[in-house]
PDB file of N, CA and C in Angstrom:
ATOM      1  N   MET A   1     -13.595  25.590  -8.645  1.00  0.00           N
ATOM      2  CA  MET A   1     -14.065  25.369  -7.341  1.00  0.00           C
ATOM      3  C   MET A   1     -15.486  25.968  -7.285  1.00  0.00           C
ATOM      4  N   PRO A   2     -16.466  25.059  -6.903  1.00  0.00           N
ATOM      5  CA  PRO A   2     -17.830  25.657  -6.865  1.00  0.00           C
ATOM      6  C   PRO A   2     -18.072  26.666  -5.688  1.00  0.00           C
ATOM      7  N   GLU A   3     -18.799  27.517  -5.912  1.00  0.00           N
ATOM      8  CA  GLU A   3     -19.214  28.535  -4.806  1.00  0.00           C
ATOM      9  C   GLU A   3     -19.997  27.836  -3.818  1.00  0.00           C
ATOM     10  N   ARG A   4     -19.821  28.302  -2.638  1.00  0.00           N
ATOM     11  CA  ARG A   4     -20.449  27.727  -1.542  1.00  0.00           C
ATOM     12  C   ARG A   4     -21.848  28.316  -1.233  1.00  0.00           C
ATOM     13  N   GLU A   5     -21.891  29.628  -1.681  1.00  0.00           N
ATOM     14  CA  GLU A   5     -23.014  30.539  -1.315  1.00  0.00           C
ATOM     15  C   GLU A   5     -23.019  31.657  -2.219  1.00  0.00           C
ATOM     16  N   GLN A   6     -24.197  31.931  -2.793  1.00  0.00           N
ATOM     17  CA  GLN A   6     -24.516  33.096  -3.682  1.00  0.00           C
ATOM     18  C   GLN A   6     -25.468  34.118  -2.900  1.00  0.00           C
ATOM     19  N   ARG A   7     -24.961  35.148  -2.808  1.00  0.00           N
ATOM     20  CA  ARG A   7     -25.732  36.323  -2.050  1.00  0.00           C
ATOM     21  C   ARG A   7     -26.571  36.874  -3.035  1.00  0.00           C
ATOM     22  N   THR A   8     -27.919  36.859  -2.765  1.00  0.00           N
ATOM     23  CA  THR A   8     -28.846  37.642  -3.534  1.00  0.00           C
ATOM     24  C   THR A   8     -29.596  38.518  -2.602  1.00  0.00           C
ATOM     25  N   GLY A   9     -29.336  39.817  -2.530  1.00  0.00           N
ATOM     26  CA  GLY A   9     -29.889  40.785  -1.662  1.00  0.00           C
ATOM     27  C   GLY A   9     -29.632  40.299  -0.229  1.00  0.00           C
ATOM     28  N   ARG A  10     -30.620  40.215   0.576  1.00  0.00           N
ATOM     29  CA  ARG A  10     -30.412  39.871   2.089  1.00  0.00           C
ATOM     30  C   ARG A  10     -30.469  38.383   2.300  1.00  0.00           C
ATOM     31  N   LEU A  11     -30.918  37.585   1.215  1.00  0.00           N
ATOM     32  CA  LEU A  11     -30.996  36.035   1.410  1.00  0.00           C
ATOM     33  C   LEU A  11     -29.818  35.448   0.616  1.00  0.00           C
ATOM     34  N   SER A  12     -29.442  34.322   1.156  1.00  0.00           N
ATOM     35  CA  SER A  12     -28.398  33.434   0.621  1.00  0.00           C
ATOM     36  C   SER A  12     -29.050  32.320  -0.056  1.00  0.00           C
ATOM     37  N   ARG A  13     -28.572  31.812  -1.245  1.00  0.00           N
ATOM     38  CA  ARG A  13     -28.930  30.454  -1.841  1.00  0.00           C
ATOM     39  C   ARG A  13     -27.808  29.633  -1.759  1.00  0.00           C
ATOM     40  N   ARG A  14     -28.030  28.466  -1.304  1.00  0.00           N
ATOM     41  CA  ARG A  14     -26.937  27.382  -1.203  1.00  0.00           C
ATOM     42  C   ARG A  14     -27.002  26.578  -2.420  1.00  0.00           C
ATOM     43  N   THR A  15     -25.720  26.114  -2.801  1.00  0.00           N
ATOM     44  CA  THR A  15     -25.475  25.203  -3.903  1.00  0.00           C
ATOM     45  C   THR A  15     -25.623  23.881  -3.578  1.00  0.00           C
ATOM     46  N   ALA A  16     -25.768  22.980  -4.484  1.00  0.00           N
ATOM     47  CA  ALA A  16     -25.820  21.454  -4.236  1.00  0.00           C
ATOM     48  C   ALA A  16     -24.359  20.962  -3.914  1.00  0.00           C
ATOM     49  N   TYR A  17     -23.321  21.811  -3.915  1.00  0.00           N
ATOM     50  CA  TYR A  17     -22.129  21.123  -3.569  1.00  0.00           C
ATOM     51  C   TYR A  17     -21.694  21.483  -2.049  1.00  0.00           C
ATOM     52  N   GLU A  18     -22.611  21.933  -1.268  1.00  0.00           N
ATOM     53  CA  GLU A  18     -22.195  22.466  -0.036  1.00  0.00           C
ATOM     54  C   GLU A  18     -22.281  21.194   0.886  1.00  0.00           C
ATOM     55  N   VAL A  19     -21.484  21.063   1.994  1.00  0.00           N
ATOM     56  CA  VAL A  19     -21.290  20.021   2.879  1.00  0.00           C
ATOM     57  C   VAL A  19     -22.061  20.559   4.065  1.00  0.00           C
ATOM     58  N   ILE A  20     -23.005  19.636   4.632  1.00  0.00           N
ATOM     59  CA  ILE A  20     -23.943  19.922   5.668  1.00  0.00           C
ATOM     60  C   ILE A  20     -23.347  19.397   6.976  1.00  0.00           C
ATOM     61  N   ARG A  21     -23.168  20.250   8.024  1.00  0.00           N
ATOM     62  CA  ARG A  21     -22.720  19.622   9.351  1.00  0.00           C
ATOM     63  C   ARG A  21     -23.963  19.512  10.125  1.00  0.00           C
ATOM     64  N   THR A  22     -24.068  18.203  10.800  1.00  0.00           N
ATOM     65  CA  THR A  22     -25.204  17.916  11.539  1.00  0.00           C
ATOM     66  C   THR A  22     -24.608  17.178  12.898  1.00  0.00           C
ATOM     67  N   MET A  23     -25.285  17.717  13.935  1.00  0.00           N
ATOM     68  CA  MET A  23     -24.946  16.940  15.270  1.00  0.00           C
ATOM     69  C   MET A  23     -25.944  15.822  15.389  1.00  0.00           C
ATOM     70  N   VAL A  24     -25.286  14.503  15.540  1.00  0.00           N
ATOM     71  CA  VAL A  24     -26.032  13.314  15.938  1.00  0.00           C
ATOM     72  C   VAL A  24     -25.546  12.555  16.966  1.00  0.00           C
ATOM     73  N   ASP A  25     -26.410  11.933  17.695  1.00  0.00           N
ATOM     74  CA  ASP A  25     -25.961  10.903  18.611  1.00  0.00           C
ATOM     75  C   ASP A  25     -25.752   9.412  17.914  1.00  0.00           C
ATOM     76  N   LEU A  26     -24.585   8.957  18.181  1.00  0.00           N
ATOM     77  CA  LEU A  26     -24.172   7.666  17.578  1.00  0.00           C
ATOM     78  C   LEU A  26     -23.988   6.649  18.522  1.00  0.00           C
ATOM     79  N   ASP A  27     -24.305   5.376  18.112  1.00  0.00           N
ATOM     80  CA  ASP A  27     -23.966   4.202  18.971  1.00  0.00           C
ATOM     81  C   ASP A  27     -22.638   4.009  18.662  1.00  0.00           C
ATOM     82  N   ASP A  28     -21.746   4.158  19.717  1.00  0.00           N
ATOM     83  CA  ASP A  28     -20.203   3.958  19.635  1.00  0.00           C
ATOM     84  C   ASP A  28     -19.873   2.626  19.252  1.00  0.00           C
ATOM     85  N   ALA A  29     -20.487   1.596  19.725  1.00  0.00           N
ATOM     86  CA  ALA A  29     -20.007   0.297  19.563  1.00  0.00           C
ATOM     87  C   ALA A  29     -20.417  -0.109  17.973  1.00  0.00           C
ATOM     88  N   LEU A  30     -21.613   0.377  17.572  1.00  0.00           N
ATOM     89  CA  LEU A  30     -21.956   0.177  16.206  1.00  0.00           C
ATOM     90  C   LEU A  30     -21.051   0.924  15.128  1.00  0.00           C
ATOM     91  N   LEU A  31     -20.719   2.196  15.628  1.00  0.00           N
ATOM     92  CA  LEU A  31     -19.814   2.991  14.804  1.00  0.00           C
ATOM     93  C   LEU A  31     -18.359   2.215  14.605  1.00  0.00           C
ATOM     94  N   ALA A  32     -17.943   1.705  15.712  1.00  0.00           N
ATOM     95  CA  ALA A  32     -16.649   0.965  15.824  1.00  0.00           C
ATOM     96  C   ALA A  32     -16.667  -0.280  14.946  1.00  0.00           C
ATOM     97  N   GLU A  33     -17.840  -0.998  15.081  1.00  0.00           N
ATOM     98  CA  GLU A  33     -17.954  -2.167  14.118  1.00  0.00           C
ATOM     99  C   GLU A  33     -18.016  -1.928  12.676  1.00  0.00           C
ATOM    100  N   ALA A  34     -18.758  -0.915  12.360  1.00  0.00           N
ATOM    101  CA  ALA A  34     -18.871  -0.325  11.008  1.00  0.00           C
ATOM    102  C   ALA A  34     -17.295   0.073  10.411  1.00  0.00           C
ATOM    103  N   ALA A  35     -16.593   0.729  11.357  1.00  0.00           N
ATOM    104  CA  ALA A  35     -15.364   1.255  10.990  1.00  0.00           C
ATOM    105  C   ALA A  35     -14.438   0.044  10.646  1.00  0.00           C
ATOM    106  N   GLU A  36     -14.636  -1.018  11.423  1.00  0.00           N
ATOM    107  CA  GLU A  36     -13.661  -2.153  11.284  1.00  0.00           C
ATOM    108  C   GLU A  36     -14.189  -2.918   9.935  1.00  0.00           C
ATOM    109  N   ILE A  37     -15.325  -2.979   9.704  1.00  0.00           N
ATOM    110  CA  ILE A  37     -15.906  -3.677   8.557  1.00  0.00           C
ATOM    111  C   ILE A  37     -15.586  -2.909   7.283  1.00  0.00           C
ATOM    112  N   LEU A  38     -15.628  -1.640   7.413  1.00  0.00           N
ATOM    113  CA  LEU A  38     -15.300  -0.814   6.163  1.00  0.00           C
ATOM    114  C   LEU A  38     -13.730  -0.389   6.043  1.00  0.00           C
ATOM    115  N   GLY A  39     -13.137  -0.668   7.093  1.00  0.00           N
ATOM    116  CA  GLY A  39     -11.627  -0.259   7.093  1.00  0.00           C
ATOM    117  C   GLY A  39     -11.388   1.143   7.137  1.00  0.00           C
ATOM    118  N   THR A  40     -12.305   1.852   7.736  1.00  0.00           N
ATOM    119  CA  THR A  40     -12.051   3.272   7.902  1.00  0.00           C
ATOM    120  C   THR A  40     -11.515   3.836   9.223  1.00  0.00           C
ATOM    121  N   ALA A  41     -10.885   5.065   9.218  1.00  0.00           N
ATOM    122  CA  ALA A  41     -10.116   5.476  10.389  1.00  0.00           C
ATOM    123  C   ALA A  41     -10.914   6.654  11.173  1.00  0.00           C
ATOM    124  N   THR A  42     -11.841   7.239  10.400  1.00  0.00           N
ATOM    125  CA  THR A  42     -12.472   8.378  11.173  1.00  0.00           C
ATOM    126  C   THR A  42     -14.077   8.181  11.125  1.00  0.00           C
ATOM    127  N   LYS A  43     -14.766   8.936  11.958  1.00  0.00           N
ATOM    128  CA  LYS A  43     -16.223   8.784  12.073  1.00  0.00           C
ATOM    129  C   LYS A  43     -16.680   9.339  10.756  1.00  0.00           C
ATOM    130  N   ARG A  44     -16.264  10.384  10.199  1.00  0.00           N
ATOM    131  CA  ARG A  44     -16.782  10.879   8.955  1.00  0.00           C
ATOM    132  C   ARG A  44     -16.597   9.791   7.888  1.00  0.00           C
ATOM    133  N   ALA A  45     -15.457   9.262   7.674  1.00  0.00           N
ATOM    134  CA  ALA A  45     -15.219   8.232   6.724  1.00  0.00           C
ATOM    135  C   ALA A  45     -16.171   7.006   6.873  1.00  0.00           C
ATOM    136  N   THR A  46     -16.299   6.662   8.102  1.00  0.00           N
ATOM    137  CA  THR A  46     -17.219   5.504   8.538  1.00  0.00           C
ATOM    138  C   THR A  46     -18.666   5.826   8.000  1.00  0.00           C
ATOM    139  N   ILE A  47     -19.060   7.072   8.438  1.00  0.00           N
ATOM    140  CA  ILE A  47     -20.612   7.290   8.185  1.00  0.00           C
ATOM    141  C   ILE A  47     -20.757   7.450   6.676  1.00  0.00           C
ATOM    142  N   ASN A  48     -19.938   8.195   5.989  1.00  0.00           N
ATOM    143  CA  ASN A  48     -20.078   8.242   4.491  1.00  0.00           C
ATOM    144  C   ASN A  48     -19.813   6.936   3.873  1.00  0.00           C
ATOM    145  N   GLY A  49     -18.943   5.971   4.241  1.00  0.00           N
ATOM    146  CA  GLY A  49     -18.835   4.716   3.812  1.00  0.00           C
ATOM    147  C   GLY A  49     -20.178   3.962   3.901  1.00  0.00           C
ATOM    148  N   ALA A  50     -20.673   3.982   5.229  1.00  0.00           N
ATOM    149  CA  ALA A  50     -21.757   3.151   5.464  1.00  0.00           C
ATOM    150  C   ALA A  50     -22.963   3.672   4.774  1.00  0.00           C
ATOM    151  N   LEU A  51     -23.174   4.939   4.549  1.00  0.00           N
ATOM    152  CA  LEU A  51     -24.245   5.496   3.617  1.00  0.00           C
ATOM    153  C   LEU A  51     -24.091   5.145   2.229  1.00  0.00           C
ATOM    154  N   ALA A  52     -22.836   5.050   1.748  1.00  0.00           N
ATOM    155  CA  ALA A  52     -22.519   4.651   0.479  1.00  0.00           C
ATOM    156  C   ALA A  52     -22.923   3.224   0.236  1.00  0.00           C
ATOM    157  N   GLU A  53     -22.534   2.389   1.173  1.00  0.00           N
ATOM    158  CA  GLU A  53     -22.912   0.884   1.058  1.00  0.00           C
ATOM    159  C   GLU A  53     -24.325   0.702   1.246  1.00  0.00           C
ATOM    160  N   LEU A  54     -25.117   1.361   1.979  1.00  0.00           N
ATOM    161  CA  LEU A  54     -26.480   1.209   1.996  1.00  0.00           C
ATOM    162  C   LEU A  54     -27.223   1.557   0.734  1.00  0.00           C
ATOM    163  N   VAL A  55     -26.815   2.707   0.121  1.00  0.00           N
ATOM    164  CA  VAL A  55     -27.316   3.108  -1.111  1.00  0.00           C
ATOM    165  C   VAL A  55     -27.166   2.041  -2.207  1.00  0.00           C
ATOM    166  N   ALA A  56     -25.874   1.617  -2.267  1.00  0.00           N
ATOM    167  CA  ALA A  56     -25.364   0.586  -3.269  1.00  0.00           C
ATOM    168  C   ALA A  56     -26.224  -0.670  -3.061  1.00  0.00           C
ATOM    169  N   ALA A  57     -26.501  -0.963  -1.725  1.00  0.00           N
ATOM    170  CA  ALA A  57     -27.236  -2.265  -1.534  1.00  0.00           C
ATOM    171  C   ALA A  57     -28.740  -2.090  -2.042  1.00  0.00           C
ATOM    172  N   ALA A  58     -29.296  -0.899  -1.687  1.00  0.00           N
ATOM    173  CA  ALA A  58     -30.733  -0.742  -2.110  1.00  0.00           C
ATOM    174  C   ALA A  58     -30.743  -0.652  -3.634  1.00  0.00           C
ATOM    175  N   ARG A  59     -29.747  -0.140  -4.418  1.00  0.00           N
ATOM    176  CA  ARG A  59     -29.784  -0.188  -5.802  1.00  0.00           C
ATOM    177  C   ARG A  59     -29.646  -1.566  -6.284  1.00  0.00           C
ATOM    178  N   ARG A  60     -28.877  -2.375  -5.671  1.00  0.00           N
ATOM    179  CA  ARG A  60     -28.767  -3.795  -6.127  1.00  0.00           C
ATOM    180  C   ARG A  60     -30.003  -4.583  -5.958  1.00  0.00           C
ATOM    181  N   ARG A  61     -30.618  -4.204  -4.771  1.00  0.00           N
ATOM    182  CA  ARG A  61     -31.969  -4.942  -4.616  1.00  0.00           C
ATOM    183  C   ARG A  61     -33.019  -4.544  -5.553  1.00  0.00           C
ATOM    184  N   ARG A  62     -33.009  -3.227  -5.860  1.00  0.00           N
ATOM    185  CA  ARG A  62     -34.007  -2.812  -7.072  1.00  0.00           C
ATOM    186  C   ARG A  62     -33.723  -3.391  -8.371  1.00  0.00           C
ATOM    187  N   PHE A  63     -32.429  -3.517  -8.685  1.00  0.00           N
ATOM    188  CA  PHE A  63     -32.088  -4.149  -9.958  1.00  0.00           C
ATOM    189  C   PHE A  63     -32.491  -5.628  -9.959  1.00  0.00           C
ATOM    190  N   ALA A  64     -32.249  -6.250  -8.741  1.00  0.00           N
ATOM    191  CA  ALA A  64     -32.730  -7.712  -8.647  1.00  0.00           C
ATOM    192  C   ALA A  64     -34.268  -7.861  -8.901  1.00  0.00           C
ATOM    193  N   ASP A  65     -34.927  -6.833  -8.174  1.00  0.00           N
ATOM    194  CA  ASP A  65     -36.461  -6.951  -8.351  1.00  0.00           C
ATOM    195  C   ASP A  65     -36.829  -6.652  -9.826  1.00  0.00           C
ATOM    196  N   LEU A  66     -36.151  -5.980 -10.517  1.00  0.00           N
ATOM    197  CA  LEU A  66     -36.449  -5.813 -11.980  1.00  0.00           C
ATOM    198  C   LEU A  66     -36.286  -6.927 -12.750  1.00  0.00           C
ATOM    199  N   VAL A  67     -35.153  -7.726 -12.366  1.00  0.00           N
ATOM    200  CA  VAL A  67     -34.730  -8.954 -13.118  1.00  0.00           C
ATOM    201  C   VAL A  67     -35.874 -10.045 -12.844  1.00  0.00           C
ATOM    202  N   ASP A  68     -36.245 -10.147 -11.396  1.00  0.00           N
ATOM    203  CA  ASP A  68     -37.310 -11.017 -11.150  1.00  0.00           C
ATOM    204  C   ASP A  68     -38.603 -10.599 -11.668  1.00  0.00           C
ATOM    205  N   GLU A  69     -38.962  -9.450 -11.903  1.00  0.00           N
ATOM    206  CA  GLU A  69     -40.186  -9.009 -12.689  1.00  0.00           C
ATOM    207  C   GLU A  69     -40.106  -9.255 -14.277  1.00  0.00           C
ATOM    208  N   GLY A  70     -38.955  -9.678 -14.656  1.00  0.00           N
ATOM    209  CA  GLY A  70     -38.826  -9.957 -16.103  1.00  0.00           C
ATOM    210  C   GLY A  70     -38.568  -8.751 -16.904  1.00  0.00           C
ATOM    211  N   VAL A  71     -38.208  -7.657 -16.421  1.00  0.00           N
ATOM    212  CA  VAL A  71     -37.986  -6.512 -17.254  1.00  0.00           C
ATOM    213  C   VAL A  71     -36.995  -6.618 -18.262  1.00  0.00           C
ATOM    214  N   PHE A  72     -35.934  -7.548 -18.046  1.00  0.00           N
ATOM    215  CA  PHE A  72     -34.958  -7.768 -18.901  1.00  0.00           C
ATOM    216  C   PHE A  72     -34.958  -9.025 -19.762  1.00  0.00           C
ATOM    217  N   ASP A  73     -36.098  -9.754 -19.668  1.00  0.00           N
ATOM    218  CA  ASP A  73     -36.296 -10.984 -20.352  1.00  0.00           C
ATOM    219  C   ASP A  73     -35.969 -10.898 -21.797  1.00  0.00           C
ATOM    220  N   ASP A  74     -36.291  -9.818 -22.526  1.00  0.00           N
ATOM    221  CA  ASP A  74     -36.058  -9.741 -23.902  1.00  0.00           C
ATOM    222  C   ASP A  74     -34.733  -9.689 -24.294  1.00  0.00           C
ATOM    223  N   LEU A  75     -33.703  -9.468 -23.344  1.00  0.00           N
ATOM    224  CA  LEU A  75     -32.217  -9.558 -23.603  1.00  0.00           C
ATOM    225  C   LEU A  75     -31.805 -11.082 -23.859  1.00  0.00           C
ATOM    226  N   ARG A  76     -32.569 -11.886 -23.483  1.00  0.00           N
ATOM    227  CA  ARG A  76     -32.273 -13.323 -23.934  1.00  0.00           C
ATOM    228  C   ARG A  76     -32.736 -13.675 -25.301  1.00  0.00           C
ATOM    229  N   ASP A  77     -33.475 -12.741 -26.094  1.00  0.00           N
ATOM    230  CA  ASP A  77     -34.033 -13.073 -27.264  1.00  0.00           C
ATOM    231  C   ASP A  77     -32.911 -12.752 -28.351  1.00  0.00           C
ATOM    232  N   PRO A  78     -32.358 -13.636 -29.114  1.00  0.00           N
ATOM    233  CA  PRO A  78     -31.227 -13.373 -30.080  1.00  0.00           C
ATOM    234  C   PRO A  78     -31.640 -12.234 -31.129  1.00  0.00           C
ATOM    235  N   ASP A  79     -32.908 -12.171 -31.600  1.00  0.00           N
ATOM    236  CA  ASP A  79     -33.147 -11.188 -32.628  1.00  0.00           C
ATOM    237  C   ASP A  79     -33.124  -9.849 -31.914  1.00  0.00           C
ATOM    238  N   VAL A  80     -33.647  -9.619 -30.677  1.00  0.00           N
ATOM    239  CA  VAL A  80     -33.455  -8.420 -29.973  1.00  0.00           C
ATOM    240  C   VAL A  80     -31.934  -7.924 -29.785  1.00  0.00           C
ATOM    241  N   MET A  81     -31.145  -8.946 -29.425  1.00  0.00           N
ATOM    242  CA  MET A  81     -29.743  -8.587 -29.231  1.00  0.00           C
ATOM    243  C   MET A  81     -29.066  -8.225 -30.499  1.00  0.00           C
ATOM    244  N   ARG A  82     -29.398  -8.936 -31.618  1.00  0.00           N
ATOM    245  CA  ARG A  82     -28.990  -8.642 -32.948  1.00  0.00           C
ATOM    246  C   ARG A  82     -29.176  -7.107 -33.416  1.00  0.00           C
ATOM    247  N   GLY A  83     -30.352  -6.873 -33.084  1.00  0.00           N
ATOM    248  CA  GLY A  83     -30.941  -5.553 -33.293  1.00  0.00           C
ATOM    249  C   GLY A  83     -30.225  -4.376 -32.511  1.00  0.00           C
ATOM    250  N   ALA A  84     -29.766  -4.740 -31.319  1.00  0.00           N
ATOM    251  CA  ALA A  84     -29.207  -3.814 -30.450  1.00  0.00           C
ATOM    252  C   ALA A  84     -27.841  -3.514 -30.996  1.00  0.00           C
ATOM    253  N   TRP A  85     -27.158  -4.459 -31.713  1.00  0.00           N
ATOM    254  CA  TRP A  85     -25.827  -4.136 -32.192  1.00  0.00           C
ATOM    255  C   TRP A  85     -25.707  -3.416 -33.501  1.00  0.00           C
ATOM    256  N   ARG A  86     -26.833  -3.090 -34.028  1.00  0.00           N
ATOM    257  CA  ARG A  86     -26.916  -2.415 -35.283  1.00  0.00           C
ATOM    258  C   ARG A  86     -26.674  -1.019 -35.278  1.00  0.00           C
TER     259      ARG A  86
END
């Protein structure tokens, strides 16, 4: 189990595995709609699920942009693909 905090003298250094608690005002109707779409039962699961979906959608858009820019065009070349399997 990762350490949550390492003490170094008077200062503490937090690790990357720490959960951050934050107070935020949420739109209750939007939260309820997101929970219904995601099939989640708690606010925490809904927010984490919505964030995961947002990040995944952004990654898909970036990948689609790369495809549109022709970054992967050489994968259609049989010689390139033959060389990839060697």
